N, C-alpha and C. Protein backbone atom coordinates (compact mmCIF):
# COMPACT_ATOMS: atom_id res chain seq x y z
N MET A 1 54.78 182.68 131.19
CA MET A 1 55.44 182.59 131.50
C MET A 1 55.36 183.60 132.72
N ALA A 2 56.30 183.18 134.57
CA ALA A 2 56.50 184.20 135.27
C ALA A 2 57.83 184.92 134.70
N ALA A 3 58.48 186.04 135.16
CA ALA A 3 59.04 186.52 135.05
C ALA A 3 60.47 185.52 135.65
N GLY A 4 61.50 185.89 134.85
CA GLY A 4 62.28 184.12 135.11
C GLY A 4 62.22 183.30 134.05
N LYS A 5 62.58 182.07 134.44
CA LYS A 5 63.24 180.74 133.74
C LYS A 5 61.76 180.81 133.26
N ILE A 6 62.32 179.79 132.15
CA ILE A 6 60.77 178.65 131.24
C ILE A 6 60.75 177.78 131.65
N ARG A 7 59.43 177.27 132.46
CA ARG A 7 59.40 175.98 133.29
C ARG A 7 59.08 175.29 131.96
N VAL A 8 60.11 173.90 132.22
CA VAL A 8 59.53 172.82 131.03
C VAL A 8 59.72 171.76 131.50
N LEU A 9 58.95 170.89 131.28
CA LEU A 9 58.40 169.09 131.08
C LEU A 9 58.27 168.25 130.38
N ILE A 10 58.97 167.42 130.31
CA ILE A 10 59.86 166.61 128.78
C ILE A 10 59.42 165.03 129.19
N ALA A 11 58.42 165.13 128.54
CA ALA A 11 57.52 164.32 127.80
C ALA A 11 57.84 162.98 126.36
N ASP A 12 58.50 161.99 126.89
CA ASP A 12 59.59 160.94 126.38
C ASP A 12 59.75 160.05 126.65
N ASP A 13 59.44 158.37 126.48
CA ASP A 13 59.47 157.33 126.54
C ASP A 13 61.00 156.79 126.73
N HIS A 14 61.85 157.01 126.29
CA HIS A 14 63.25 157.08 125.88
C HIS A 14 64.03 157.73 127.11
N ARG A 15 64.42 156.66 128.01
CA ARG A 15 65.06 158.12 129.12
C ARG A 15 65.97 158.14 128.87
N LEU A 16 67.21 158.16 128.88
CA LEU A 16 68.14 158.01 128.32
C LEU A 16 68.15 159.59 127.40
N PHE A 17 67.03 159.65 125.94
CA PHE A 17 67.24 161.20 125.31
C PHE A 17 66.54 161.92 126.39
N ALA A 18 65.19 161.80 127.33
CA ALA A 18 65.08 162.07 127.99
C ALA A 18 65.95 163.08 129.11
N GLU A 19 66.79 161.89 129.26
CA GLU A 19 67.26 162.65 130.72
C GLU A 19 69.06 163.63 129.61
N ALA A 20 69.45 162.95 128.18
CA ALA A 20 70.09 164.04 127.71
C ALA A 20 69.72 165.48 127.81
N LEU A 21 68.15 164.95 127.18
CA LEU A 21 67.49 166.68 127.03
C LEU A 21 67.44 167.58 128.10
N ALA A 22 66.82 166.74 129.26
CA ALA A 22 66.94 167.93 130.49
C ALA A 22 68.82 168.39 130.76
N ALA A 23 69.65 167.74 130.55
CA ALA A 23 70.83 167.99 131.05
C ALA A 23 71.34 169.15 130.20
N ILE A 24 70.63 169.04 128.41
CA ILE A 24 71.49 170.41 127.54
C ILE A 24 70.29 171.34 128.19
N LEU A 25 70.01 171.37 128.29
CA LEU A 25 68.65 172.51 129.14
C LEU A 25 69.50 172.84 130.33
N ALA A 26 69.61 172.22 131.27
CA ALA A 26 70.14 173.10 132.99
C ALA A 26 71.35 173.41 132.47
N THR A 27 72.24 173.31 130.98
CA THR A 27 73.07 174.39 130.69
C THR A 27 72.98 175.34 130.68
N ASP A 28 71.43 175.50 130.39
CA ASP A 28 71.01 177.28 129.95
C ASP A 28 70.20 177.82 130.96
N ASP A 29 70.56 178.74 131.04
CA ASP A 29 69.70 179.57 132.19
C ASP A 29 68.33 180.45 132.17
N ARG A 30 67.60 179.79 130.79
CA ARG A 30 66.92 180.57 130.83
C ARG A 30 65.58 179.89 131.17
N PHE A 31 66.46 178.11 131.11
CA PHE A 31 65.23 176.54 131.71
C PHE A 31 65.32 176.25 132.97
N GLU A 32 64.02 176.01 133.33
CA GLU A 32 64.23 175.23 134.60
C GLU A 32 63.19 174.00 134.06
N VAL A 33 63.81 172.92 134.07
CA VAL A 33 63.02 171.72 133.78
C VAL A 33 62.11 170.87 135.47
N VAL A 34 61.09 170.96 134.90
CA VAL A 34 60.18 170.59 136.23
C VAL A 34 59.98 169.23 136.22
N GLY A 35 59.98 168.57 134.87
CA GLY A 35 59.65 167.15 135.85
C GLY A 35 60.28 165.72 134.18
N GLN A 36 59.46 164.62 134.09
CA GLN A 36 60.20 164.25 133.21
C GLN A 36 58.89 163.22 133.75
N ALA A 37 58.38 162.56 132.10
CA ALA A 37 57.08 161.91 132.16
C ALA A 37 57.23 160.95 131.10
N HIS A 38 57.04 159.47 131.64
CA HIS A 38 57.78 158.80 130.29
C HIS A 38 56.46 157.90 129.71
N ASN A 39 55.49 158.19 129.87
CA ASN A 39 54.17 158.13 129.56
C ASN A 39 53.31 158.74 129.55
N GLY A 40 52.44 159.17 128.51
CA GLY A 40 51.37 160.05 128.39
C GLY A 40 50.89 160.40 129.62
N GLU A 41 49.97 159.46 129.87
CA GLU A 41 49.45 159.50 131.23
C GLU A 41 50.29 160.61 132.03
N LYS A 42 51.23 159.92 132.53
CA LYS A 42 51.98 161.01 133.66
C LYS A 42 52.38 161.93 133.08
N ALA A 43 52.34 162.36 131.89
CA ALA A 43 52.50 163.72 131.43
C ALA A 43 51.60 164.94 132.13
N VAL A 44 50.26 164.25 131.45
CA VAL A 44 49.07 164.53 131.85
C VAL A 44 49.33 165.31 133.14
N GLU A 45 49.05 164.16 134.49
CA GLU A 45 49.50 164.20 135.26
C GLU A 45 51.14 164.82 135.90
N LEU A 46 51.95 165.62 135.50
CA LEU A 46 52.41 166.39 135.90
C LEU A 46 52.64 167.53 134.88
N ALA A 47 51.68 167.59 133.98
CA ALA A 47 51.54 168.78 133.52
C ALA A 47 50.62 169.58 134.12
N THR A 48 49.90 168.94 135.07
CA THR A 48 48.32 169.77 135.77
C THR A 48 49.42 170.27 137.33
N ALA A 49 50.02 168.92 137.24
CA ALA A 49 50.83 169.64 138.99
C ALA A 49 51.90 170.88 139.05
N GLU A 50 52.86 170.73 138.38
CA GLU A 50 54.21 171.26 138.14
C GLU A 50 53.69 172.62 137.17
N LYS A 51 52.73 172.72 136.27
CA LYS A 51 52.11 173.76 135.51
C LYS A 51 53.67 174.13 135.05
N PRO A 52 53.80 173.69 133.85
CA PRO A 52 55.24 174.52 133.32
C PRO A 52 54.78 175.06 132.49
N ASP A 53 55.50 175.70 131.89
CA ASP A 53 55.34 176.88 130.46
C ASP A 53 55.47 175.72 129.16
N VAL A 54 56.06 174.92 129.17
CA VAL A 54 56.50 174.15 127.99
C VAL A 54 56.16 172.71 128.56
N VAL A 55 55.23 171.81 127.29
CA VAL A 55 55.51 170.86 127.27
C VAL A 55 56.61 170.62 126.57
N VAL A 56 57.87 169.86 126.66
CA VAL A 56 58.32 168.99 125.21
C VAL A 56 57.65 167.43 125.28
N MET A 57 56.95 166.68 124.18
CA MET A 57 56.19 166.00 124.00
C MET A 57 56.31 165.06 122.77
N ASP A 58 56.78 163.62 123.76
CA ASP A 58 56.73 162.59 122.02
C ASP A 58 55.67 162.07 121.63
N ILE A 59 55.96 162.31 120.38
CA ILE A 59 54.48 161.85 119.45
C ILE A 59 54.50 160.76 120.07
N GLN A 60 55.71 159.36 119.92
CA GLN A 60 55.39 158.08 120.26
C GLN A 60 55.50 157.90 121.69
N MET A 61 53.95 157.82 122.98
CA MET A 61 54.71 157.00 124.25
C MET A 61 53.34 156.44 124.86
N PRO A 62 53.98 155.52 125.26
CA PRO A 62 52.74 154.05 126.03
C PRO A 62 51.77 155.31 126.65
N LYS A 63 50.84 154.51 127.44
CA LYS A 63 49.68 154.10 127.69
C LYS A 63 48.73 155.26 126.79
N LEU A 64 49.40 156.26 126.67
CA LEU A 64 48.67 157.49 126.21
C LEU A 64 49.32 158.03 124.74
N ASP A 65 49.29 158.21 123.55
CA ASP A 65 50.01 158.81 122.81
C ASP A 65 50.23 160.69 123.45
N GLY A 66 51.34 160.64 122.06
CA GLY A 66 51.60 162.32 123.16
C GLY A 66 50.50 163.21 122.11
N VAL A 67 49.39 163.15 121.23
CA VAL A 67 48.69 164.08 120.97
C VAL A 67 47.21 163.70 121.47
N GLU A 68 47.50 162.51 122.20
CA GLU A 68 46.48 162.52 123.25
C GLU A 68 46.91 162.98 124.52
N ALA A 69 47.52 162.97 124.54
CA ALA A 69 48.63 163.51 125.56
C ALA A 69 48.34 165.35 125.76
N THR A 70 48.73 165.56 124.39
CA THR A 70 48.08 167.08 124.13
C THR A 70 47.30 167.73 125.11
N LYS A 71 46.13 166.94 123.77
CA LYS A 71 44.62 167.19 124.17
C LYS A 71 44.07 167.58 125.26
N ARG A 72 44.75 165.93 126.34
CA ARG A 72 44.03 166.14 128.30
C ARG A 72 45.04 167.59 128.37
N ILE A 73 46.13 167.80 128.14
CA ILE A 73 46.88 169.21 129.00
C ILE A 73 46.24 170.66 128.56
N LYS A 74 45.67 170.66 127.05
CA LYS A 74 45.50 171.73 126.47
C LYS A 74 44.19 172.37 127.00
N LYS A 75 43.38 171.03 127.56
CA LYS A 75 41.39 171.03 127.96
C LYS A 75 41.83 171.33 129.87
N LYS A 76 42.95 170.87 130.55
CA LYS A 76 43.51 171.79 131.85
C LYS A 76 44.04 172.51 132.06
N ARG A 77 44.80 172.94 130.94
CA ARG A 77 45.45 174.16 131.29
C ARG A 77 45.92 174.51 130.05
N ARG A 78 44.79 175.36 129.63
CA ARG A 78 45.27 175.93 127.94
C ARG A 78 46.61 176.91 128.01
N SER A 79 47.28 177.48 129.37
CA SER A 79 47.72 178.19 128.90
C SER A 79 49.69 177.48 129.06
N ALA A 80 49.40 176.39 128.84
CA ALA A 80 50.20 175.31 128.72
C ALA A 80 50.73 175.13 126.75
N GLN A 81 51.58 175.75 126.72
CA GLN A 81 52.10 175.31 125.64
C GLN A 81 53.15 173.94 124.96
N VAL A 82 52.70 173.06 124.32
CA VAL A 82 53.47 172.07 124.14
C VAL A 82 54.10 172.14 122.69
N LEU A 83 55.02 171.74 122.79
CA LEU A 83 55.86 171.56 121.63
C LEU A 83 56.57 170.34 121.25
N MET A 84 55.73 169.15 120.02
CA MET A 84 55.39 168.21 119.50
C MET A 84 56.73 167.91 119.02
N LEU A 85 57.78 167.00 119.86
CA LEU A 85 59.19 166.31 118.81
C LEU A 85 59.25 164.98 119.02
N THR A 86 59.90 164.90 117.93
CA THR A 86 59.59 163.19 117.26
C THR A 86 60.64 162.57 116.32
N GLY A 87 60.41 161.54 116.10
CA GLY A 87 61.36 160.91 115.18
C GLY A 87 60.82 160.92 113.66
N SER A 88 59.40 161.50 113.80
CA SER A 88 58.28 161.12 112.37
C SER A 88 58.24 162.59 111.67
N SER A 89 58.40 162.40 110.40
CA SER A 89 58.43 164.06 109.97
C SER A 89 57.59 163.81 109.03
N SER A 90 55.82 162.74 108.86
CA SER A 90 54.62 162.44 108.01
C SER A 90 53.71 163.32 108.18
N SER A 91 53.37 163.99 107.30
CA SER A 91 52.05 164.90 106.82
C SER A 91 51.32 164.20 107.93
N ALA A 92 50.64 163.85 108.08
CA ALA A 92 49.52 163.29 109.15
C ALA A 92 49.73 162.93 110.43
N ASP A 93 51.28 163.20 110.99
CA ASP A 93 51.62 163.21 112.24
C ASP A 93 51.11 164.62 112.70
N VAL A 94 52.23 165.44 111.93
CA VAL A 94 51.75 167.05 111.25
C VAL A 94 50.34 166.97 111.15
N ALA A 95 49.89 167.16 111.17
CA ALA A 95 48.40 166.88 111.23
C ALA A 95 47.47 167.05 112.14
N ARG A 96 48.03 165.69 112.84
CA ARG A 96 47.40 165.38 113.96
C ARG A 96 47.59 165.84 115.43
N ALA A 97 48.56 166.79 115.39
CA ALA A 97 49.32 167.68 116.41
C ALA A 97 48.84 168.72 116.30
N ARG A 98 48.66 169.52 115.40
CA ARG A 98 47.80 170.92 115.17
C ARG A 98 47.08 171.15 115.07
N GLU A 99 46.39 169.81 115.26
CA GLU A 99 44.82 170.00 114.99
C GLU A 99 44.28 169.59 117.06
N ALA A 100 45.69 168.92 117.46
CA ALA A 100 46.04 168.51 119.14
C ALA A 100 46.14 170.02 119.70
N GLY A 101 46.92 170.51 118.61
CA GLY A 101 46.56 172.56 119.87
C GLY A 101 48.21 172.56 120.18
N VAL A 102 49.37 172.14 119.18
CA VAL A 102 50.88 172.24 119.75
C VAL A 102 51.87 173.20 119.35
N ALA A 103 52.48 174.27 119.98
CA ALA A 103 52.68 175.48 119.19
C ALA A 103 53.41 175.06 118.30
N GLY A 104 54.22 174.16 118.50
CA GLY A 104 55.32 173.87 117.03
C GLY A 104 55.26 172.21 117.52
N TYR A 105 56.62 171.74 115.88
CA TYR A 105 56.57 170.99 116.02
C TYR A 105 57.86 170.43 115.46
N VAL A 106 58.63 169.87 116.14
CA VAL A 106 59.88 169.73 115.68
C VAL A 106 61.00 167.77 115.93
N THR A 107 61.69 167.64 114.37
CA THR A 107 61.47 166.55 114.81
C THR A 107 62.87 166.20 115.57
N LYS A 108 62.96 165.08 115.71
CA LYS A 108 64.67 164.38 116.18
C LYS A 108 65.82 165.04 115.61
N ASP A 109 65.63 164.75 114.57
CA ASP A 109 67.35 164.73 113.07
C ASP A 109 67.04 166.22 113.58
N ARG A 110 66.46 167.37 113.72
CA ARG A 110 67.15 168.93 113.95
C ARG A 110 66.74 169.15 115.27
N ILE A 111 66.94 168.31 116.39
CA ILE A 111 66.60 168.86 117.59
C ILE A 111 68.17 170.25 117.56
N ALA A 112 69.10 169.88 117.58
CA ALA A 112 69.92 170.61 117.80
C ALA A 112 69.65 172.48 117.47
N SER A 113 69.44 172.00 116.17
CA SER A 113 70.08 173.28 115.44
C SER A 113 68.24 174.12 115.53
N GLU A 114 66.82 173.12 116.49
CA GLU A 114 66.15 174.21 116.63
C GLU A 114 65.34 174.22 117.57
N LEU A 115 65.32 172.75 117.97
CA LEU A 115 64.76 172.29 119.58
C LEU A 115 64.69 173.74 120.95
N ILE A 116 65.99 174.63 121.11
CA ILE A 116 66.18 175.79 121.86
C ILE A 116 65.48 176.64 122.01
N ASP A 117 65.40 177.18 120.24
CA ASP A 117 64.75 178.26 120.04
C ASP A 117 63.23 178.08 120.34
N SER A 118 63.01 176.96 119.49
CA SER A 118 61.77 176.40 119.30
C SER A 118 60.69 176.39 120.58
N ILE A 119 61.45 175.73 121.84
CA ILE A 119 61.03 176.06 122.97
C ILE A 119 60.79 177.05 123.54
N VAL A 120 61.97 178.15 123.55
CA VAL A 120 61.86 179.97 123.95
C VAL A 120 60.21 180.04 123.00
N GLU A 121 60.23 180.09 121.24
CA GLU A 121 59.83 180.56 120.89
C GLU A 121 58.07 180.24 121.46
N ALA A 122 57.83 178.79 121.83
CA ALA A 122 56.43 178.59 122.63
C ALA A 122 56.10 179.00 123.80
N ALA A 123 57.17 178.91 125.36
CA ALA A 123 57.21 179.97 125.71
C ALA A 123 56.84 181.86 125.74
N ARG A 124 56.83 182.19 124.57
CA ARG A 124 56.72 183.22 124.64
C ARG A 124 54.92 183.42 123.65
N LYS A 125 54.47 182.19 123.40
CA LYS A 125 53.22 182.19 122.88
C LYS A 125 52.04 182.44 124.24
N GLN A 126 53.18 182.06 125.55
CA GLN A 126 52.03 181.75 126.83
C GLN A 126 51.20 183.12 126.78
N ALA A 127 52.44 184.32 126.99
CA ALA A 127 52.15 185.12 127.22
C ALA A 127 50.73 186.35 127.15
């Protein structure tokens, strides 16, 4: 994380959710949303081009799921931290995400209480 704002890429196929999340982050001076991807392939492309500190990644994405996208992002940019954001709390999904190298896992039902703190914590892991 460079001195200044935490650069965040939002990767979620639900556009309204991604836009709402970007709007929430825009109200906090610690964050700069550097892009939005609505499928896994675009997430990998933007993560490579925009060099975010943290990628907030939905686990279920079209074209390339969040786990595979995470693996590709981590292969290209080891310092990028991926925070898996999903509606699923299944232990199999959590295990797959952890194996892919995510910095954390937040379910969408806990977004209000945990997401901001989880992004900040993931960014700290990069340093």
